[in-house]
Amino acid sequence: MVRDRSLPLQPQSPLRSAGVWGALYSKRCESGATAVEFALVAPIFFMLVSVFFELGLIIFTQSLLDNATRNTARLMQVRQIQTGTALRNQVCNDIGSFVDCNGIQYYVQSAASFGAMNASAQTDAAGNMTQNGMFFPGNAGQDVLLQVGYNRPSIIPWAAQYLNGSRLLVTTMAFRNEP
């Protein structure tokens, strides 16, 4: 066989040099690799996506609770909220329908100075505020500490185990009543 010198040398592909059986063998050996890789990587990927989704919902709920507590504290400061029921209704109206209002907890304490109050949220074994429902707004010129909590149910139950086990979100606002 005489080679035509006008054509450049072209290397043969490995599949072509291995013949028909080599090409079939190569495709057959790699056909399940993608499925195996997906089976190994997919559970970890979906777990991370679901945890990020859960954390995003926690941060969103905390933001709603912060804004509602801030608005309620402003109304308490100028003495427009005088009862615990009015406080709960105001928080529920500010939060909207995203949060179940039956899960809202509150604790209001007052004193002559901020140093005389305890700002830590005390919880029981179930994760609820132990002073829930106590409402002592104080008199004009007194310092007030408002704590609003929400025991948020987890959408992904197994994720709550890894998120510190507690789902109680608490917002604390300190202010002085108007004279």
Foldseek 3Di string as FASTA:
>chain_A
DDDDPVDDDDDDDPCVVVPPVSVVVVCVVCVCVVVVVCVVVVVVVVVVVLLVVQVVVLVVQLVQQQVLVVVLVVCLQAPNDDAPVSSLVSSDVSSDDPADSVQKWKAKDWDQDPVVDDQDFDADPVQDGPRTRHDDSDDAFIKMKMKMKGQDDTPDVVSCVVVVVGRIRMDIDIDTHHD
